[in-house]
């Protein structure tokens, strides 16, 4: 049985290892979580990126590595009984991904949904690859944003059991590079909030944007306020890709969520299900 959580306990619902595009092992992430006072750590390596997005299988757990991935997770979990570790994936949505996600994520306790890729499985582009910004220059930031929101809402509407939608306004990643939208994003934000509400999705308050120079969280405050007004539940994650970033900024994120009007965050538990954890 999962141990009761004290209000305000540090919970990190989004982390990566070297099995996908992270730097650390499960064991290294677990040790970092314990050192940070983390109570619950959710492991969410990338899964089911299209081959055209990750041709060498370097940024995700490929199907043949799934048994080793699960074994490494279980070894770290068993070595740290003081830490509640959950096995999960971040499944990148694109048209036609559902069958692969269903098959490869079998046994996952948490499934995050995200959109990094715009277009079809074999004809599209990353939106947050700062080494290749061609889609931003070809379409322009306003059109990238419009297409992103359409894809994000399609991911929400998919039959996949996404417990949470990760970093909801990921296009903000390139705004510091001079590729911010010129249109008023409020109507698109309203559409996202309505879609999350209508499909019963949780959304992630991610501290990763603070590490990437965005100057705000994912989601930006205006979008976050709309999620709150729509009654969309929130989870908190660091999106750590290095052990030293595990649990990064979680306590400050709780204070931010409180300031926006949230009084609880949602927490997945190792014995199944989710529960609201009061903020202090």
Foldseek 3Di string as FASTA:
>chain_A
DFDDDAFLAQEAAAEEDQLALFDHFLQLLLVLCVVVRHAEYEYAAEDQQFCQAPVPRRHGRDQVCLVVNVVSNVVNCVVCVSHFYFYYHEYEDDPPRVVRCVVRGPPGQAYEYEHQWFDHSNDTDGLQPPVDNPVCVVQALVVVLVRLLVRQLVRLVDPDPHQEYELNRVNLLCVVVVRHDPDPCLVSLLVNLVSCLVSVHAYEFEPQVVVSPSPATRVRLSSLLSNVVSVHAYAYHHNYSYSNSGSPCRSVVLVVNVVSPDQWHWDAGPVHDIDTRGHD
